[in-house]
């Protein structure tokens, strides 16, 4: 991702649109289409985006503008990316458990 995200907790929609290099109405539209983008609302109903929202918006922009996905295709791709990450994490956990089990069995043999 070419855009750098400043080290802040919250971003207003104007800042987000500048970082993404899109108009604010595009950010609002993506927010309505992609339910994973959930900005916090202030008492004056101003949107405050978290860093994770901004990271997801950067991925959405890349999928739509860079990779040429439609909105529907980008939604499917995001879901696929998230599921793939979860499967990868599960594989890592299982691998670590296998290593721990192997080590424990070696210890058991040593003390038997």
C-alpha atoms as a PDB file:
ATOM      1  CA  UNK A   1       0.000   0.000   0.000  1.00  0.00           C
ATOM      2  CA  UNK A   2       1.567   3.208  -1.146  1.00  0.00           C
ATOM      3  CA  UNK A   3      -0.213   5.584   1.241  1.00  0.00           C
ATOM      4  CA  UNK A   4       1.378   6.005   4.631  1.00  0.00           C
ATOM      5  CA  UNK A   5      -0.904   6.136   7.641  1.00  0.00           C
ATOM      6  CA  UNK A   6       0.010   8.724  10.290  1.00  0.00           C
ATOM      7  CA  UNK A   7       0.460   7.402  13.811  1.00  0.00           C
ATOM      8  CA  UNK A   8      -2.895   8.533  15.267  1.00  0.00           C
ATOM      9  CA  UNK A   9      -5.830   6.756  16.836  1.00  0.00           C
ATOM     10  CA  UNK A  10      -8.663   8.526  15.010  1.00  0.00           C
ATOM     11  CA  UNK A  11      -9.024  10.215  11.637  1.00  0.00           C
ATOM     12  CA  UNK A  12     -11.733  12.539  10.371  1.00  0.00           C
ATOM     13  CA  UNK A  13     -13.277  11.882   6.987  1.00  0.00           C
ATOM     14  CA  UNK A  14     -11.303  14.730   5.387  1.00  0.00           C
ATOM     15  CA  UNK A  15      -8.026  13.193   6.536  1.00  0.00           C
ATOM     16  CA  UNK A  16      -9.128   9.758   5.356  1.00  0.00           C
ATOM     17  CA  UNK A  17     -10.101  11.061   1.933  1.00  0.00           C
ATOM     18  CA  UNK A  18      -6.705  12.798   1.575  1.00  0.00           C
ATOM     19  CA  UNK A  19      -4.788   9.681   2.598  1.00  0.00           C
ATOM     20  CA  UNK A  20      -6.840   7.549   0.190  1.00  0.00           C
ATOM     21  CA  UNK A  21      -6.795  10.254  -2.500  1.00  0.00           C
ATOM     22  CA  UNK A  22     -10.559   9.971  -3.064  1.00  0.00           C
ATOM     23  CA  UNK A  23     -13.463  12.328  -2.394  1.00  0.00           C
ATOM     24  CA  UNK A  24     -15.251  12.099   0.991  1.00  0.00           C
ATOM     25  CA  UNK A  25     -18.463  10.867  -0.673  1.00  0.00           C
ATOM     26  CA  UNK A  26     -16.523   7.827  -1.937  1.00  0.00           C
ATOM     27  CA  UNK A  27     -15.421   7.006   1.612  1.00  0.00           C
ATOM     28  CA  UNK A  28     -19.035   7.329   2.819  1.00  0.00           C
ATOM     29  CA  UNK A  29     -20.218   5.082  -0.030  1.00  0.00           C
ATOM     30  CA  UNK A  30     -17.627   2.416   0.775  1.00  0.00           C
ATOM     31  CA  UNK A  31     -18.668   2.645   4.411  1.00  0.00           C
ATOM     32  CA  UNK A  32     -22.256   1.874   3.394  1.00  0.00           C
ATOM     33  CA  UNK A  33     -21.201  -1.051   1.174  1.00  0.00           C
ATOM     34  CA  UNK A  34     -18.532  -2.663   3.343  1.00  0.00           C
ATOM     35  CA  UNK A  35     -19.970  -3.377   6.774  1.00  0.00           C
ATOM     36  CA  UNK A  36     -16.523  -3.934   8.302  1.00  0.00           C
ATOM     37  CA  UNK A  37     -15.923  -0.162   8.100  1.00  0.00           C
ATOM     38  CA  UNK A  38     -17.540   1.215  11.258  1.00  0.00           C
ATOM     39  CA  UNK A  39     -16.441   4.724  12.157  1.00  0.00           C
ATOM     40  CA  UNK A  40     -17.207   6.070  15.590  1.00  0.00           C
ATOM     41  CA  UNK A  41     -19.677   8.955  15.716  1.00  0.00           C
ATOM     42  CA  UNK A  42     -19.070  11.976  17.911  1.00  0.00           C
ATOM     43  CA  UNK A  43     -21.872  13.853  19.673  1.00  0.00           C
ATOM     44  CA  UNK A  44     -21.982  16.157  16.649  1.00  0.00           C
ATOM     45  CA  UNK A  45     -22.334  13.063  14.377  1.00  0.00           C
ATOM     46  CA  UNK A  46     -18.868  13.481  12.906  1.00  0.00           C
ATOM     47  CA  UNK A  47     -17.250  10.280  11.678  1.00  0.00           C
ATOM     48  CA  UNK A  48     -14.010   9.207  13.340  1.00  0.00           C
ATOM     49  CA  UNK A  49     -12.211   6.354  11.592  1.00  0.00           C
ATOM     50  CA  UNK A  50      -9.801   4.099  13.462  1.00  0.00           C
ATOM     51  CA  UNK A  51      -6.494   2.951  12.031  1.00  0.00           C
ATOM     52  CA  UNK A  52      -7.944  -0.497  11.254  1.00  0.00           C
ATOM     53  CA  UNK A  53     -10.770   1.167   9.287  1.00  0.00           C
ATOM     54  CA  UNK A  54      -8.213   3.130   7.296  1.00  0.00           C
ATOM     55  CA  UNK A  55      -6.149   0.006   6.602  1.00  0.00           C
ATOM     56  CA  UNK A  56      -9.263  -1.787   5.366  1.00  0.00           C
ATOM     57  CA  UNK A  57     -10.202   1.198   3.204  1.00  0.00           C
ATOM     58  CA  UNK A  58      -6.730   1.094   1.630  1.00  0.00           C
ATOM     59  CA  UNK A  59      -7.264  -2.576   0.779  1.00  0.00           C
ATOM     60  CA  UNK A  60     -10.705  -1.775  -0.662  1.00  0.00           C
ATOM     61  CA  UNK A  61      -9.237   1.004  -2.797  1.00  0.00           C
ATOM     62  CA  UNK A  62      -6.544  -1.350  -4.099  1.00  0.00           C
ATOM     63  CA  UNK A  63      -9.118  -4.019  -4.916  1.00  0.00           C
ATOM     64  CA  UNK A  64     -11.444  -1.586  -6.695  1.00  0.00           C
ATOM     65  CA  UNK A  65      -9.018   0.749  -8.440  1.00  0.00           C
ATOM     66  CA  UNK A  66      -5.845  -1.308  -8.689  1.00  0.00           C
ATOM     67  CA  UNK A  67      -7.136  -4.832  -9.266  1.00  0.00           C
ATOM     68  CA  UNK A  68     -10.323  -3.847 -11.096  1.00  0.00           C
ATOM     69  CA  UNK A  69     -12.819  -5.658  -8.864  1.00  0.00           C
ATOM     70  CA  UNK A  70     -16.467  -4.647  -8.731  1.00  0.00           C
ATOM     71  CA  UNK A  71     -17.981  -3.818  -5.335  1.00  0.00           C
ATOM     72  CA  UNK A  72     -19.410  -7.333  -5.152  1.00  0.00           C
ATOM     73  CA  UNK A  73     -16.116  -8.880  -6.222  1.00  0.00           C
ATOM     74  CA  UNK A  74     -14.186  -6.782  -3.694  1.00  0.00           C
ATOM     75  CA  UNK A  75     -16.518  -7.956  -0.905  1.00  0.00           C
ATOM     76  CA  UNK A  76     -15.904 -11.587  -1.874  1.00  0.00           C
ATOM     77  CA  UNK A  77     -12.158 -11.033  -2.123  1.00  0.00           C
ATOM     78  CA  UNK A  78     -12.026  -9.364   1.308  1.00  0.00           C
ATOM     79  CA  UNK A  79     -13.927 -12.285   2.817  1.00  0.00           C
ATOM     80  CA  UNK A  80     -11.579 -14.706   1.097  1.00  0.00           C
ATOM     81  CA  UNK A  81      -8.541 -12.789   2.398  1.00  0.00           C
ATOM     82  CA  UNK A  82      -9.902 -12.831   5.951  1.00  0.00           C
ATOM     83  CA  UNK A  83     -10.717 -16.539   5.821  1.00  0.00           C
ATOM     84  CA  UNK A  84      -7.311 -17.321   4.350  1.00  0.00           C
ATOM     85  CA  UNK A  85      -5.644 -15.473   7.205  1.00  0.00           C
ATOM     86  CA  UNK A  86      -7.654 -17.426   9.754  1.00  0.00           C
ATOM     87  CA  UNK A  87      -6.774 -20.748   8.112  1.00  0.00           C
ATOM     88  CA  UNK A  88      -3.110 -19.778   8.071  1.00  0.00           C
ATOM     89  CA  UNK A  89      -3.265 -18.880  11.777  1.00  0.00           C
ATOM     90  CA  UNK A  90      -4.911 -22.223  12.559  1.00  0.00           C
ATOM     91  CA  UNK A  91      -2.145 -24.070  10.705  1.00  0.00           C
ATOM     92  CA  UNK A  92       0.494 -22.175  12.698  1.00  0.00           C
ATOM     93  CA  UNK A  93      -1.195 -23.059  15.993  1.00  0.00           C
ATOM     94  CA  UNK A  94      -1.445 -26.734  15.063  1.00  0.00           C
ATOM     95  CA  UNK A  95       2.211 -26.745  14.043  1.00  0.00           C
ATOM     96  CA  UNK A  96       3.248 -25.220  17.369  1.00  0.00           C
ATOM     97  CA  UNK A  97       1.160 -27.773  19.291  1.00  0.00           C
ATOM     98  CA  UNK A  98       2.858 -30.578  17.352  1.00  0.00           C
ATOM     99  CA  UNK A  99       6.291 -29.180  18.283  1.00  0.00           C
ATOM    100  CA  UNK A 100       5.282 -28.875  21.956  1.00  0.00           C
ATOM    101  CA  UNK A 101       3.920 -32.421  21.978  1.00  0.00           C
ATOM    102  CA  UNK A 102       7.145 -33.719  20.417  1.00  0.00           C
ATOM    103  CA  UNK A 103       9.215 -31.909  23.045  1.00  0.00           C
ATOM    104  CA  UNK A 104       7.065 -33.240  25.891  1.00  0.00           C
ATOM    105  CA  UNK A 105       7.354 -36.793  24.573  1.00  0.00           C
ATOM    106  CA  UNK A 106      11.158 -36.435  24.475  1.00  0.00           C
ATOM    107  CA  UNK A 107      11.157 -35.218  28.086  1.00  0.00           C
ATOM    108  CA  UNK A 108       8.909 -38.139  29.065  1.00  0.00           C
ATOM    109  CA  UNK A 109      11.311 -40.612  27.467  1.00  0.00           C
ATOM    110  CA  UNK A 110      14.251 -38.993  29.242  1.00  0.00           C
ATOM    111  CA  UNK A 111      12.716 -39.325  32.706  1.00  0.00           C
ATOM    112  CA  UNK A 112      11.267 -42.819  32.184  1.00  0.00           C
END
